[in-house]
């Protein structure tokens, strides 16, 4: 019988696919840094809904320990860097190139749980990780061969590899504040901290004359894309809350990330059908290997 953690992971997976499909379009219209903090800002009102009576208990800042705030602040900083790198990569490369690379997060998250949480990998899990790596290499090699803009794809590659390494650490770090609070309150305060970090950097990169124009530009972007940004915020709020709840229920923290990494298959379809990206037969072979490997990770 499937555990509740697995069902929650599937909910998170479906919403992740829906959100990233929309984010790919927005990444071509809004700068990466701005889109990163707008995503979090639009998610906050929806995350706050989970604080209603009967869902998750709300805690005022003073009711939470210093340990919680230290871990959450570090998590928010990592999240801010992650979001910028992800949106930048998405703006540079095809989504059918980025999605297979993100499957490596499933491997890095379990590796992180072994190194940081001292959880033991199984033979099935190790075999799954090797299949994910092999599939990713096949997709990358074929994309490189057919790429019209190799330079941008290389930039995207290094950005995503950095995200993969970063998530090995902070996707396991989140268990500390989660266990000291609840999924709803952690989601709320981590996003609340992430927004000013990204906004501060965005404003820091502007000179005094550009600041007013920056706010005017954001106002125009919000007016034009408010419905899409609202959709991104809603799906982010539910996706992350389901993810955090699943991580508290699963026997191994990395399992949830491994299941969510299966987004590679629908995202490849989105790239081919919605954004008219070229996906060759060789790349589908690589995706098939990744999918089998992720099953090994999820159930290993």
Protein backbone atom coordinates (compact mmCIF):
# COMPACT_ATOMS: atom_id res chain seq x y z
CA UNK A 1 0.00 0.00 0.00
CA UNK A 2 1.31 3.40 -0.95
CA UNK A 3 2.13 5.67 1.96
CA UNK A 4 0.64 9.12 2.43
CA UNK A 5 4.11 10.60 1.79
CA UNK A 6 4.03 9.15 -1.74
CA UNK A 7 0.55 10.51 -2.51
CA UNK A 8 1.57 13.96 -1.25
CA UNK A 9 4.71 13.74 -3.40
CA UNK A 10 2.56 13.04 -6.46
CA UNK A 11 0.40 16.08 -5.67
CA UNK A 12 3.57 18.17 -5.36
CA UNK A 13 4.88 16.70 -8.63
CA UNK A 14 1.73 17.58 -10.62
CA UNK A 15 1.71 21.16 -9.33
CA UNK A 16 5.45 21.48 -9.96
CA UNK A 17 4.94 20.56 -13.62
CA UNK A 18 2.06 23.04 -14.00
CA UNK A 19 4.09 25.84 -12.36
CA UNK A 20 7.28 25.28 -14.32
CA UNK A 21 5.34 25.19 -17.59
CA UNK A 22 4.13 28.74 -16.89
CA UNK A 23 7.48 29.92 -15.45
CA UNK A 24 9.26 29.02 -18.71
CA UNK A 25 7.08 31.53 -20.57
CA UNK A 26 7.47 34.19 -17.88
CA UNK A 27 11.27 33.79 -17.81
CA UNK A 28 11.44 35.24 -21.33
CA UNK A 29 9.45 38.34 -20.29
CA UNK A 30 10.64 39.15 -16.75
CA UNK A 31 14.26 39.28 -15.53
CA UNK A 32 15.43 36.24 -13.54
CA UNK A 33 16.06 38.11 -10.28
CA UNK A 34 12.72 39.91 -10.42
CA UNK A 35 10.78 36.77 -11.30
CA UNK A 36 12.41 34.94 -8.37
CA UNK A 37 11.11 37.38 -5.72
CA UNK A 38 7.77 37.89 -7.47
CA UNK A 39 7.20 34.13 -7.31
CA UNK A 40 7.70 34.18 -3.53
CA UNK A 41 5.69 37.38 -3.03
CA UNK A 42 2.70 36.05 -4.95
CA UNK A 43 2.90 32.76 -3.05
CA UNK A 44 2.74 34.38 0.41
CA UNK A 45 -1.03 35.17 0.47
CA UNK A 46 -1.82 31.58 -0.57
CA UNK A 47 0.63 30.16 1.98
CA UNK A 48 -1.09 32.27 4.65
CA UNK A 49 -4.34 30.40 3.95
CA UNK A 50 -2.76 27.30 5.49
CA UNK A 51 -2.61 29.22 8.77
CA UNK A 52 -6.41 29.19 9.06
CA UNK A 53 -7.84 27.29 12.05
CA UNK A 54 -8.04 23.55 11.45
CA UNK A 55 -5.05 23.44 9.08
CA UNK A 56 -1.69 24.38 10.63
CA UNK A 57 -1.06 26.12 13.94
CA UNK A 58 0.21 29.68 13.56
CA UNK A 59 3.24 30.75 15.62
CA UNK A 60 4.32 34.35 16.14
CA UNK A 61 8.08 34.96 15.60
CA UNK A 62 8.76 35.13 19.35
CA UNK A 63 7.16 31.70 19.86
CA UNK A 64 9.77 30.00 17.68
CA UNK A 65 13.25 29.04 18.87
CA UNK A 66 16.56 30.61 17.85
CA UNK A 67 17.47 27.25 16.33
CA UNK A 68 14.42 27.49 14.06
CA UNK A 69 15.29 31.02 12.92
CA UNK A 70 18.96 30.22 12.27
CA UNK A 71 18.06 27.21 10.10
CA UNK A 72 15.24 29.07 8.33
CA UNK A 73 17.43 32.12 7.59
CA UNK A 74 20.13 29.88 6.09
CA UNK A 75 17.47 28.01 4.13
CA UNK A 76 16.01 31.29 2.78
CA UNK A 77 19.46 32.44 1.65
CA UNK A 78 20.06 29.14 -0.19
CA UNK A 79 16.55 29.32 -1.66
CA UNK A 80 17.18 32.83 -2.99
CA UNK A 81 20.37 31.72 -4.77
CA UNK A 82 18.63 28.59 -6.06
CA UNK A 83 15.69 30.53 -7.50
CA UNK A 84 17.90 33.02 -9.31
CA UNK A 85 20.07 30.28 -10.86
CA UNK A 86 17.00 28.27 -11.89
CA UNK A 87 15.21 31.19 -13.56
CA UNK A 88 18.42 32.33 -15.24
CA UNK A 89 18.98 28.85 -16.66
CA UNK A 90 15.36 28.70 -17.79
CA UNK A 91 15.76 32.00 -19.64
CA UNK A 92 18.92 30.77 -21.40
CA UNK A 93 18.02 27.23 -22.45
CA UNK A 94 15.18 25.01 -23.61
CA UNK A 95 13.01 23.56 -20.87
CA UNK A 96 13.67 20.14 -22.43
CA UNK A 97 17.36 20.77 -21.66
CA UNK A 98 16.88 22.08 -18.11
CA UNK A 99 14.36 19.41 -16.96
CA UNK A 100 16.65 16.36 -17.37
CA UNK A 101 19.46 18.17 -15.56
CA UNK A 102 17.11 18.91 -12.65
CA UNK A 103 16.52 15.16 -12.33
CA UNK A 104 20.01 15.06 -10.80
CA UNK A 105 18.47 16.80 -7.77
CA UNK A 106 16.90 13.43 -6.89
CA UNK A 107 20.40 11.94 -6.70
CA UNK A 108 21.96 14.85 -4.82
CA UNK A 109 19.12 14.99 -2.26
CA UNK A 110 19.59 11.33 -1.34
CA UNK A 111 23.38 11.76 -1.31
CA UNK A 112 22.83 14.70 1.06
CA UNK A 113 20.60 12.61 3.31
CA UNK A 114 23.38 10.00 3.50
CA UNK A 115 26.13 12.53 4.29
CA UNK A 116 24.16 14.91 6.52
CA UNK A 117 21.50 12.69 8.10
CA UNK A 118 23.58 9.47 8.05
CA UNK A 119 20.87 7.47 6.27
CA UNK A 120 22.08 4.33 4.48
CA UNK A 121 21.57 3.97 0.70
CA UNK A 122 20.29 0.66 -0.68
CA UNK A 123 21.61 -1.23 -3.71
CA UNK A 124 18.42 -0.35 -5.58
CA UNK A 125 18.93 3.32 -4.72
CA UNK A 126 22.55 3.28 -5.93
CA UNK A 127 21.53 1.58 -9.19
CA UNK A 128 18.78 4.18 -9.61
CA UNK A 129 21.27 7.00 -9.14
CA UNK A 130 23.59 5.52 -11.78
CA UNK A 131 20.69 5.24 -14.26
CA UNK A 132 19.72 8.88 -13.65
CA UNK A 133 23.31 9.96 -14.27
CA UNK A 134 23.53 7.86 -17.45
CA UNK A 135 20.21 9.18 -18.77
CA UNK A 136 21.17 12.78 -18.05
CA UNK A 137 24.48 12.35 -19.89
CA UNK A 138 22.68 10.90 -22.93
CA UNK A 139 20.21 13.81 -23.05
CA UNK A 140 22.97 16.39 -22.54
CA UNK A 141 25.24 14.89 -25.23
CA UNK A 142 22.42 14.79 -27.77
CA UNK A 143 21.20 18.30 -26.89
CA UNK A 144 24.76 19.57 -27.28
CA UNK A 145 24.96 17.98 -30.74
CA UNK A 146 21.71 19.60 -31.93
CA UNK A 147 21.96 22.89 -30.03
CA UNK A 148 21.86 26.10 -32.05
CA UNK A 149 23.12 28.14 -29.09
CA UNK A 150 25.78 26.05 -27.39
CA UNK A 151 27.13 28.96 -25.32
CA UNK A 152 23.80 29.63 -23.59
CA UNK A 153 23.24 25.94 -22.97
CA UNK A 154 26.66 25.67 -21.32
CA UNK A 155 25.81 28.58 -19.02
CA UNK A 156 22.51 26.91 -18.15
CA UNK A 157 24.34 23.63 -17.48
CA UNK A 158 26.66 25.17 -14.89
CA UNK A 159 23.80 27.07 -13.24
CA UNK A 160 21.72 23.89 -12.85
CA UNK A 161 24.70 21.85 -11.64
CA UNK A 162 25.22 24.49 -8.96
CA UNK A 163 21.53 24.19 -8.01
CA UNK A 164 21.89 20.39 -7.83
CA UNK A 165 24.87 20.71 -5.46
CA UNK A 166 23.13 23.36 -3.36
CA UNK A 167 19.97 21.29 -2.95
CA UNK A 168 21.97 18.34 -1.67
CA UNK A 169 22.55 20.52 1.38
CA UNK A 170 19.49 22.66 1.90
CA UNK A 171 16.80 20.17 0.86
CA UNK A 172 17.88 18.21 3.95
CA UNK A 173 18.49 21.31 6.08
CA UNK A 174 14.76 22.11 5.92
CA UNK A 175 13.97 19.11 8.14
CA UNK A 176 15.34 21.02 11.15
CA UNK A 177 12.87 23.94 11.10
CA UNK A 178 10.08 21.62 9.90
CA UNK A 179 10.42 19.47 13.00
CA UNK A 180 10.55 22.59 15.18
CA UNK A 181 7.31 24.02 13.73
CA UNK A 182 5.02 22.68 10.98
CA UNK A 183 4.98 22.69 7.15
CA UNK A 184 2.62 25.67 6.91
CA UNK A 185 4.51 28.00 9.24
CA UNK A 186 7.92 27.04 7.84
CA UNK A 187 6.71 27.66 4.28
CA UNK A 188 5.35 31.06 5.33
CA UNK A 189 8.40 32.36 7.19
CA UNK A 190 10.96 30.96 4.71
CA UNK A 191 9.21 32.73 1.81
CA UNK A 192 8.84 35.87 3.92
CA UNK A 193 12.62 35.91 4.43
CA UNK A 194 13.45 35.00 0.82
CA UNK A 195 11.60 37.98 -0.71
CA UNK A 196 13.70 40.77 0.92
CA UNK A 197 16.97 38.92 0.17
CA UNK A 198 16.18 38.77 -3.56
CA UNK A 199 14.68 42.26 -3.62
CA UNK A 200 17.73 43.74 -1.87
CA UNK A 201 20.07 42.21 -4.46
CA UNK A 202 17.85 43.37 -7.32
CA UNK A 203 17.86 46.95 -6.02
CA UNK A 204 21.57 46.82 -5.22
CA UNK A 205 22.27 46.18 -8.90
CA UNK A 206 20.41 49.36 -9.87
CA UNK A 207 21.90 52.83 -9.61
CA UNK A 208 19.83 55.64 -8.04
CA UNK A 209 18.47 56.77 -11.39
CA UNK A 210 17.38 53.25 -12.33
CA UNK A 211 15.48 52.45 -9.11
CA UNK A 212 12.36 54.40 -10.04
CA UNK A 213 12.35 52.85 -13.50
CA UNK A 214 12.77 49.41 -11.92
CA UNK A 215 9.61 49.83 -9.82
CA UNK A 216 7.69 51.18 -12.79
CA UNK A 217 8.82 48.22 -14.86
CA UNK A 218 7.71 45.77 -12.16
CA UNK A 219 4.35 47.51 -11.94
CA UNK A 220 3.90 47.03 -15.68
CA UNK A 221 4.96 43.36 -15.48
CA UNK A 222 2.53 42.66 -12.65
CA UNK A 223 -0.32 44.35 -14.51
CA UNK A 224 0.37 42.36 -17.70
CA UNK A 225 1.03 38.98 -16.11
CA UNK A 226 -0.95 39.12 -12.83
CA UNK A 227 -2.99 36.00 -13.63
CA UNK A 228 0.09 33.97 -14.57
CA UNK A 229 1.98 35.19 -11.49
CA UNK A 230 -1.04 34.37 -9.33
CA UNK A 231 -1.10 30.85 -10.77
CA UNK A 232 2.62 30.46 -10.05
CA UNK A 233 2.09 31.66 -6.47
CA UNK A 234 -0.86 29.33 -5.86
CA UNK A 235 0.84 26.23 -7.23
CA UNK A 236 4.07 27.08 -5.36
CA UNK A 237 2.19 27.39 -2.05
CA UNK A 238 0.42 24.02 -2.38
CA UNK A 239 3.43 22.29 -3.93
CA UNK A 240 5.85 23.26 -1.15
CA UNK A 241 3.39 22.62 1.67
CA UNK A 242 2.68 19.12 0.30
CA UNK A 243 6.42 18.54 -0.12
CA UNK A 244 7.23 19.56 3.47
CA UNK A 245 4.41 17.42 4.89
CA UNK A 246 5.60 14.43 2.84
CA UNK A 247 9.17 14.86 4.12
CA UNK A 248 7.93 14.60 7.70
CA UNK A 249 6.16 11.33 6.88
CA UNK A 250 8.71 9.56 4.67
CA UNK A 251 11.35 7.20 6.13
CA UNK A 252 14.07 8.93 4.06
CA UNK A 253 13.99 12.64 3.27
CA UNK A 254 15.45 12.25 -0.21
CA UNK A 255 12.60 9.98 -1.38
CA UNK A 256 10.24 12.93 -1.82
CA UNK A 257 12.71 14.83 -3.97
CA UNK A 258 13.31 11.70 -6.05
CA UNK A 259 9.58 11.32 -6.78
CA UNK A 260 9.27 15.02 -7.69
CA UNK A 261 12.25 14.70 -10.02
CA UNK A 262 10.01 12.55 -12.24
CA UNK A 263 8.80 15.91 -13.63
CA UNK A 264 11.35 15.31 -16.38
CA UNK A 265 8.86 13.29 -18.51
CA UNK A 266 5.93 15.77 -18.55
CA UNK A 267 8.35 18.72 -18.83
CA UNK A 268 9.94 17.19 -21.93
CA UNK A 269 6.44 16.88 -23.40
CA UNK A 270 5.70 20.52 -22.50
CA UNK A 271 8.93 21.58 -24.20
CA UNK A 272 8.11 19.62 -27.36
CA UNK A 273 4.37 20.38 -27.62
CA UNK A 274 3.98 23.83 -26.05
CA UNK A 275 7.31 25.53 -26.76
CA UNK A 276 8.07 23.61 -29.99
CA UNK A 277 11.50 22.49 -28.82
CA UNK A 278 13.28 19.71 -30.67
CA UNK A 279 13.35 16.45 -28.68
CA UNK A 280 15.07 13.59 -30.52
CA UNK A 281 14.58 9.85 -30.13
CA UNK A 282 18.00 9.63 -28.43
CA UNK A 283 16.86 12.16 -25.82
CA UNK A 284 13.73 10.12 -25.10
CA UNK A 285 15.96 7.08 -24.49
CA UNK A 286 17.84 9.17 -21.95
CA UNK A 287 14.58 10.28 -20.32
CA UNK A 288 13.47 6.63 -20.10
CA UNK A 289 16.68 5.76 -18.22
CA UNK A 290 16.17 8.73 -15.90
CA UNK A 291 12.58 7.64 -15.17
CA UNK A 292 13.61 4.07 -14.32
CA UNK A 293 16.43 5.42 -12.17
CA UNK A 294 14.07 7.74 -10.28
CA UNK A 295 11.80 4.78 -9.51
CA UNK A 296 14.84 3.03 -8.03
CA UNK A 297 15.64 6.11 -5.94
CA UNK A 298 12.05 6.54 -4.75
CA UNK A 299 11.57 2.95 -3.67
CA UNK A 300 15.16 2.05 -2.85
